[in-house]
Amino acid sequence: MKRYIKSSYDFYKKYEIKVDGGVLQWSMDSPKNPCIWVHGIKVDADKQGQGIGTKLMHKIIQIADQLEVPIELQPAPIGNKAMTVQQLVSWYEKLGFRRQAGCMRYEGK
């Protein structure tokens, strides 16, 4: 990442991205070192396995790339049909995230 491009996103305010039965909650953290923090991804049980989580992640990656900020998240399974932590880590790695200090981090293109 090069630098943070000033945007209309307020620091620490929660935002949502919604796609076909899925939602991703995120915020812009730390004015000194701007970073997108993903709070969680939820996909309706009947929609799981249809690429909705991947679509949500592509949308937040697009925002991060436009703003030139990294993304951080904690891979944590939620729900009855959730992936294991290792499955989540592998999935995030396929999306360009790398393990860093107990979390996953996307540095951009």
N, C-alpha and C. Protein backbone atom coordinates (compact mmCIF):
# COMPACT_ATOMS: atom_id res chain seq x y z
N MET A 1 0.83 -1.17 0.00
CA MET A 1 0.00 0.00 0.00
C MET A 1 0.88 1.25 0.00
N LYS A 2 0.48 2.19 -0.76
CA LYS A 2 1.27 3.42 -0.87
C LYS A 2 0.86 4.42 0.20
N ARG A 3 -0.34 4.92 0.12
CA ARG A 3 -0.80 5.95 1.05
C ARG A 3 -2.32 5.88 1.12
N TYR A 4 -2.84 6.47 2.16
CA TYR A 4 -4.29 6.51 2.34
C TYR A 4 -4.87 7.67 1.55
N ILE A 5 -5.83 7.39 0.72
CA ILE A 5 -6.53 8.41 -0.05
C ILE A 5 -7.74 8.86 0.77
N LYS A 6 -7.84 10.13 1.06
CA LYS A 6 -8.96 10.64 1.87
C LYS A 6 -10.28 10.21 1.23
N SER A 7 -11.18 9.77 2.05
CA SER A 7 -12.46 9.27 1.55
C SER A 7 -13.60 9.80 2.41
N SER A 8 -14.79 9.38 2.04
CA SER A 8 -15.98 9.78 2.79
C SER A 8 -16.29 8.81 3.93
N TYR A 9 -15.44 7.80 4.13
CA TYR A 9 -15.67 6.85 5.22
C TYR A 9 -15.16 7.43 6.54
N ASP A 10 -16.01 7.40 7.56
CA ASP A 10 -15.64 7.90 8.87
C ASP A 10 -14.89 6.82 9.64
N PHE A 11 -13.88 7.22 10.39
CA PHE A 11 -13.15 6.26 11.21
C PHE A 11 -14.04 5.70 12.31
N TYR A 12 -13.92 4.42 12.53
CA TYR A 12 -14.59 3.66 13.59
C TYR A 12 -16.10 3.46 13.37
N LYS A 13 -16.67 4.04 12.35
CA LYS A 13 -18.08 3.82 12.06
C LYS A 13 -18.21 2.48 11.33
N LYS A 14 -19.23 1.69 11.70
CA LYS A 14 -19.44 0.41 11.04
C LYS A 14 -20.22 0.59 9.75
N TYR A 15 -19.75 -0.10 8.72
CA TYR A 15 -20.41 -0.11 7.42
C TYR A 15 -20.77 -1.54 7.06
N GLU A 16 -21.71 -1.69 6.15
CA GLU A 16 -22.12 -3.02 5.69
C GLU A 16 -22.10 -3.07 4.17
N ILE A 17 -21.69 -4.23 3.67
CA ILE A 17 -21.82 -4.54 2.25
C ILE A 17 -22.78 -5.72 2.20
N LYS A 18 -23.82 -5.62 1.38
CA LYS A 18 -24.81 -6.70 1.27
C LYS A 18 -24.84 -7.23 -0.16
N VAL A 19 -24.87 -8.56 -0.27
CA VAL A 19 -24.95 -9.23 -1.57
C VAL A 19 -25.77 -10.50 -1.40
N ASP A 20 -26.86 -10.62 -2.11
CA ASP A 20 -27.63 -11.88 -2.25
C ASP A 20 -27.67 -12.79 -1.02
N GLY A 21 -28.11 -12.30 0.11
CA GLY A 21 -28.22 -13.16 1.29
C GLY A 21 -26.95 -13.19 2.13
N GLY A 22 -26.05 -12.27 1.87
CA GLY A 22 -24.82 -12.20 2.66
C GLY A 22 -24.54 -10.77 3.07
N VAL A 23 -23.82 -10.62 4.18
CA VAL A 23 -23.45 -9.28 4.65
C VAL A 23 -22.03 -9.33 5.22
N LEU A 24 -21.29 -8.27 4.94
CA LEU A 24 -19.95 -8.10 5.48
C LEU A 24 -19.94 -6.79 6.26
N GLN A 25 -19.56 -6.84 7.54
CA GLN A 25 -19.49 -5.64 8.36
C GLN A 25 -18.03 -5.23 8.50
N TRP A 26 -17.77 -3.92 8.34
CA TRP A 26 -16.40 -3.43 8.41
C TRP A 26 -16.36 -2.00 8.92
N SER A 27 -15.16 -1.57 9.29
CA SER A 27 -14.95 -0.18 9.68
C SER A 27 -13.55 0.24 9.25
N MET A 28 -13.36 1.56 9.18
CA MET A 28 -12.04 2.13 8.90
C MET A 28 -11.43 2.47 10.24
N ASP A 29 -10.33 1.83 10.59
CA ASP A 29 -9.72 2.00 11.90
C ASP A 29 -8.43 2.81 11.83
N SER A 30 -8.10 3.46 12.91
CA SER A 30 -6.85 4.15 13.17
C SER A 30 -6.50 5.26 12.19
N PRO A 31 -6.85 6.49 12.51
CA PRO A 31 -6.50 7.62 11.65
C PRO A 31 -4.99 7.75 11.40
N LYS A 32 -4.15 7.33 12.37
CA LYS A 32 -2.70 7.42 12.18
C LYS A 32 -2.19 6.40 11.17
N ASN A 33 -2.74 5.20 11.19
CA ASN A 33 -2.37 4.13 10.27
C ASN A 33 -3.65 3.51 9.73
N PRO A 34 -4.30 4.17 8.78
CA PRO A 34 -5.61 3.70 8.30
C PRO A 34 -5.58 2.24 7.84
N CYS A 35 -6.64 1.56 8.20
CA CYS A 35 -6.77 0.14 7.88
C CYS A 35 -8.26 -0.21 7.90
N ILE A 36 -8.68 -1.06 6.99
CA ILE A 36 -10.04 -1.58 7.04
C ILE A 36 -10.03 -2.81 7.94
N TRP A 37 -10.92 -2.81 8.91
CA TRP A 37 -11.07 -3.97 9.80
C TRP A 37 -12.39 -4.65 9.46
N VAL A 38 -12.34 -5.92 9.09
CA VAL A 38 -13.55 -6.69 8.79
C VAL A 38 -14.02 -7.31 10.11
N HIS A 39 -15.23 -6.92 10.52
CA HIS A 39 -15.80 -7.41 11.78
C HIS A 39 -16.42 -8.79 11.61
N GLY A 40 -16.96 -9.07 10.43
CA GLY A 40 -17.57 -10.37 10.21
C GLY A 40 -18.24 -10.49 8.86
N ILE A 41 -18.40 -11.73 8.45
CA ILE A 41 -19.11 -12.06 7.22
C ILE A 41 -20.16 -13.08 7.59
N LYS A 42 -21.38 -12.85 7.13
CA LYS A 42 -22.46 -13.82 7.38
C LYS A 42 -23.19 -14.07 6.07
N VAL A 43 -23.35 -15.36 5.76
CA VAL A 43 -24.10 -15.75 4.57
C VAL A 43 -25.23 -16.67 5.04
N ASP A 44 -26.45 -16.37 4.58
CA ASP A 44 -27.61 -17.20 4.94
C ASP A 44 -27.30 -18.67 4.66
N ALA A 45 -27.78 -19.56 5.55
CA ALA A 45 -27.48 -20.99 5.44
C ALA A 45 -27.85 -21.56 4.07
N ASP A 46 -28.99 -21.14 3.51
CA ASP A 46 -29.42 -21.69 2.23
C ASP A 46 -28.64 -21.11 1.05
N LYS A 47 -27.78 -20.12 1.29
CA LYS A 47 -26.99 -19.48 0.23
C LYS A 47 -25.51 -19.85 0.30
N GLN A 48 -25.13 -20.58 1.36
CA GLN A 48 -23.71 -20.93 1.53
C GLN A 48 -23.25 -21.86 0.42
N GLY A 49 -21.98 -21.70 0.06
CA GLY A 49 -21.40 -22.52 -1.00
C GLY A 49 -21.69 -22.01 -2.40
N GLN A 50 -22.24 -20.80 -2.52
CA GLN A 50 -22.59 -20.24 -3.82
C GLN A 50 -21.69 -19.06 -4.22
N GLY A 51 -20.60 -18.85 -3.47
CA GLY A 51 -19.67 -17.78 -3.81
C GLY A 51 -20.03 -16.41 -3.29
N ILE A 52 -21.02 -16.33 -2.42
CA ILE A 52 -21.46 -15.03 -1.91
C ILE A 52 -20.39 -14.43 -0.99
N GLY A 53 -19.78 -15.22 -0.14
CA GLY A 53 -18.71 -14.73 0.73
C GLY A 53 -17.54 -14.19 -0.10
N THR A 54 -17.22 -14.89 -1.17
CA THR A 54 -16.14 -14.44 -2.05
C THR A 54 -16.52 -13.12 -2.72
N LYS A 55 -17.76 -12.97 -3.15
CA LYS A 55 -18.21 -11.70 -3.74
C LYS A 55 -18.07 -10.56 -2.74
N LEU A 56 -18.47 -10.83 -1.49
CA LEU A 56 -18.35 -9.81 -0.45
C LEU A 56 -16.89 -9.41 -0.24
N MET A 57 -16.01 -10.40 -0.19
CA MET A 57 -14.59 -10.11 0.00
C MET A 57 -14.01 -9.34 -1.18
N HIS A 58 -14.44 -9.68 -2.39
CA HIS A 58 -13.95 -8.93 -3.55
C HIS A 58 -14.37 -7.47 -3.48
N LYS A 59 -15.57 -7.21 -2.96
CA LYS A 59 -16.04 -5.83 -2.83
C LYS A 59 -15.21 -5.04 -1.81
N ILE A 60 -14.88 -5.65 -0.67
CA ILE A 60 -14.09 -4.93 0.33
C ILE A 60 -12.65 -4.78 -0.14
N ILE A 61 -12.13 -5.75 -0.88
CA ILE A 61 -10.79 -5.64 -1.46
C ILE A 61 -10.75 -4.49 -2.46
N GLN A 62 -11.81 -4.33 -3.24
CA GLN A 62 -11.89 -3.24 -4.21
C GLN A 62 -11.84 -1.88 -3.48
N ILE A 63 -12.58 -1.76 -2.38
CA ILE A 63 -12.57 -0.52 -1.60
C ILE A 63 -11.17 -0.26 -1.05
N ALA A 64 -10.54 -1.29 -0.49
CA ALA A 64 -9.20 -1.13 0.07
C ALA A 64 -8.19 -0.72 -1.00
N ASP A 65 -8.29 -1.32 -2.17
CA ASP A 65 -7.38 -0.97 -3.26
C ASP A 65 -7.59 0.47 -3.72
N GLN A 66 -8.84 0.91 -3.79
CA GLN A 66 -9.13 2.28 -4.19
C GLN A 66 -8.59 3.28 -3.18
N LEU A 67 -8.70 2.95 -1.89
CA LEU A 67 -8.25 3.85 -0.82
C LEU A 67 -6.76 3.67 -0.50
N GLU A 68 -6.18 2.60 -1.05
CA GLU A 68 -4.77 2.27 -0.79
C GLU A 68 -4.50 2.05 0.69
N VAL A 69 -5.35 1.23 1.30
CA VAL A 69 -5.18 0.85 2.71
C VAL A 69 -5.23 -0.67 2.81
N PRO A 70 -4.60 -1.24 3.83
CA PRO A 70 -4.69 -2.69 4.04
C PRO A 70 -6.02 -3.09 4.67
N ILE A 71 -6.28 -4.38 4.67
CA ILE A 71 -7.44 -4.97 5.35
C ILE A 71 -6.89 -5.93 6.39
N GLU A 72 -7.50 -5.91 7.57
CA GLU A 72 -7.16 -6.90 8.60
C GLU A 72 -8.44 -7.55 9.10
N LEU A 73 -8.30 -8.79 9.52
CA LEU A 73 -9.44 -9.53 10.08
C LEU A 73 -8.92 -10.68 10.91
N GLN A 74 -9.79 -11.17 11.76
CA GLN A 74 -9.50 -12.33 12.59
C GLN A 74 -10.33 -13.49 12.06
N PRO A 75 -9.72 -14.55 11.54
CA PRO A 75 -10.51 -15.68 11.04
C PRO A 75 -11.16 -16.44 12.19
N ALA A 76 -12.48 -16.30 12.31
CA ALA A 76 -13.20 -16.93 13.41
C ALA A 76 -14.50 -17.54 12.89
N PRO A 77 -14.66 -18.86 13.03
CA PRO A 77 -15.89 -19.51 12.57
C PRO A 77 -17.10 -19.04 13.37
N ILE A 78 -18.20 -18.77 12.67
CA ILE A 78 -19.44 -18.34 13.32
C ILE A 78 -20.58 -19.14 12.70
N GLY A 79 -21.43 -19.72 13.51
CA GLY A 79 -22.59 -20.44 13.02
C GLY A 79 -22.37 -21.94 12.94
N ASN A 80 -23.47 -22.66 12.74
CA ASN A 80 -23.43 -24.13 12.71
C ASN A 80 -22.70 -24.70 11.51
N LYS A 81 -22.79 -24.04 10.37
CA LYS A 81 -22.18 -24.56 9.15
C LYS A 81 -20.89 -23.83 8.80
N ALA A 82 -20.28 -23.20 9.79
CA ALA A 82 -19.08 -22.40 9.55
C ALA A 82 -17.89 -23.27 9.17
N MET A 83 -16.98 -22.69 8.40
CA MET A 83 -15.73 -23.35 8.09
C MET A 83 -14.87 -23.38 9.35
N THR A 84 -13.92 -24.30 9.40
CA THR A 84 -12.97 -24.32 10.52
C THR A 84 -12.01 -23.14 10.36
N VAL A 85 -11.24 -22.86 11.40
CA VAL A 85 -10.25 -21.78 11.33
C VAL A 85 -9.28 -22.06 10.19
N GLN A 86 -8.80 -23.29 10.07
CA GLN A 86 -7.84 -23.61 9.00
C GLN A 86 -8.47 -23.44 7.62
N GLN A 87 -9.73 -23.82 7.46
CA GLN A 87 -10.41 -23.60 6.17
C GLN A 87 -10.53 -22.11 5.88
N LEU A 88 -10.85 -21.31 6.90
CA LEU A 88 -10.95 -19.87 6.72
C LEU A 88 -9.60 -19.28 6.33
N VAL A 89 -8.53 -19.68 7.02
CA VAL A 89 -7.19 -19.18 6.71
C VAL A 89 -6.84 -19.50 5.26
N SER A 90 -7.09 -20.72 4.82
CA SER A 90 -6.81 -21.12 3.43
C SER A 90 -7.62 -20.28 2.44
N TRP A 91 -8.88 -20.04 2.76
CA TRP A 91 -9.75 -19.24 1.89
C TRP A 91 -9.24 -17.81 1.78
N TYR A 92 -8.90 -17.21 2.93
CA TYR A 92 -8.37 -15.84 2.91
C TYR A 92 -7.05 -15.77 2.14
N GLU A 93 -6.21 -16.79 2.30
CA GLU A 93 -4.94 -16.80 1.56
C GLU A 93 -5.17 -16.83 0.05
N LYS A 94 -6.18 -17.56 -0.39
CA LYS A 94 -6.51 -17.58 -1.82
C LYS A 94 -6.96 -16.21 -2.32
N LEU A 95 -7.48 -15.39 -1.41
CA LEU A 95 -7.93 -14.04 -1.76
C LEU A 95 -6.81 -13.00 -1.66
N GLY A 96 -5.61 -13.45 -1.28
CA GLY A 96 -4.47 -12.55 -1.21
C GLY A 96 -4.07 -12.10 0.18
N PHE A 97 -4.70 -12.65 1.21
CA PHE A 97 -4.36 -12.31 2.59
C PHE A 97 -3.17 -13.16 3.05
N ARG A 98 -2.44 -12.62 4.00
CA ARG A 98 -1.32 -13.33 4.61
C ARG A 98 -1.46 -13.28 6.12
N ARG A 99 -0.94 -14.32 6.79
CA ARG A 99 -0.98 -14.35 8.26
C ARG A 99 0.00 -13.31 8.81
N GLN A 100 -0.46 -12.60 9.83
CA GLN A 100 0.40 -11.61 10.46
C GLN A 100 -0.06 -11.37 11.89
N ALA A 101 0.78 -11.68 12.84
CA ALA A 101 0.54 -11.41 14.26
C ALA A 101 -0.86 -11.81 14.72
N GLY A 102 -1.26 -13.03 14.46
CA GLY A 102 -2.53 -13.55 14.94
C GLY A 102 -3.76 -13.16 14.14
N CYS A 103 -3.56 -12.42 13.05
CA CYS A 103 -4.69 -12.06 12.20
C CYS A 103 -4.31 -12.30 10.74
N MET A 104 -5.22 -11.99 9.86
CA MET A 104 -4.97 -12.07 8.42
C MET A 104 -4.91 -10.64 7.90
N ARG A 105 -3.99 -10.39 6.96
CA ARG A 105 -3.80 -9.03 6.45
C ARG A 105 -3.67 -9.06 4.93
N TYR A 106 -4.40 -8.15 4.30
CA TYR A 106 -4.32 -7.94 2.84
C TYR A 106 -3.62 -6.62 2.62
N GLU A 107 -2.54 -6.65 1.86
CA GLU A 107 -1.73 -5.44 1.63
C GLU A 107 -2.07 -4.75 0.31
N GLY A 108 -2.86 -5.37 -0.51
CA GLY A 108 -3.22 -4.73 -1.78
C GLY A 108 -2.37 -5.19 -2.93
N LYS A 109 -2.69 -4.59 -4.07
CA LYS A 109 -2.01 -4.97 -5.31
C LYS A 109 -0.61 -4.40 -5.37
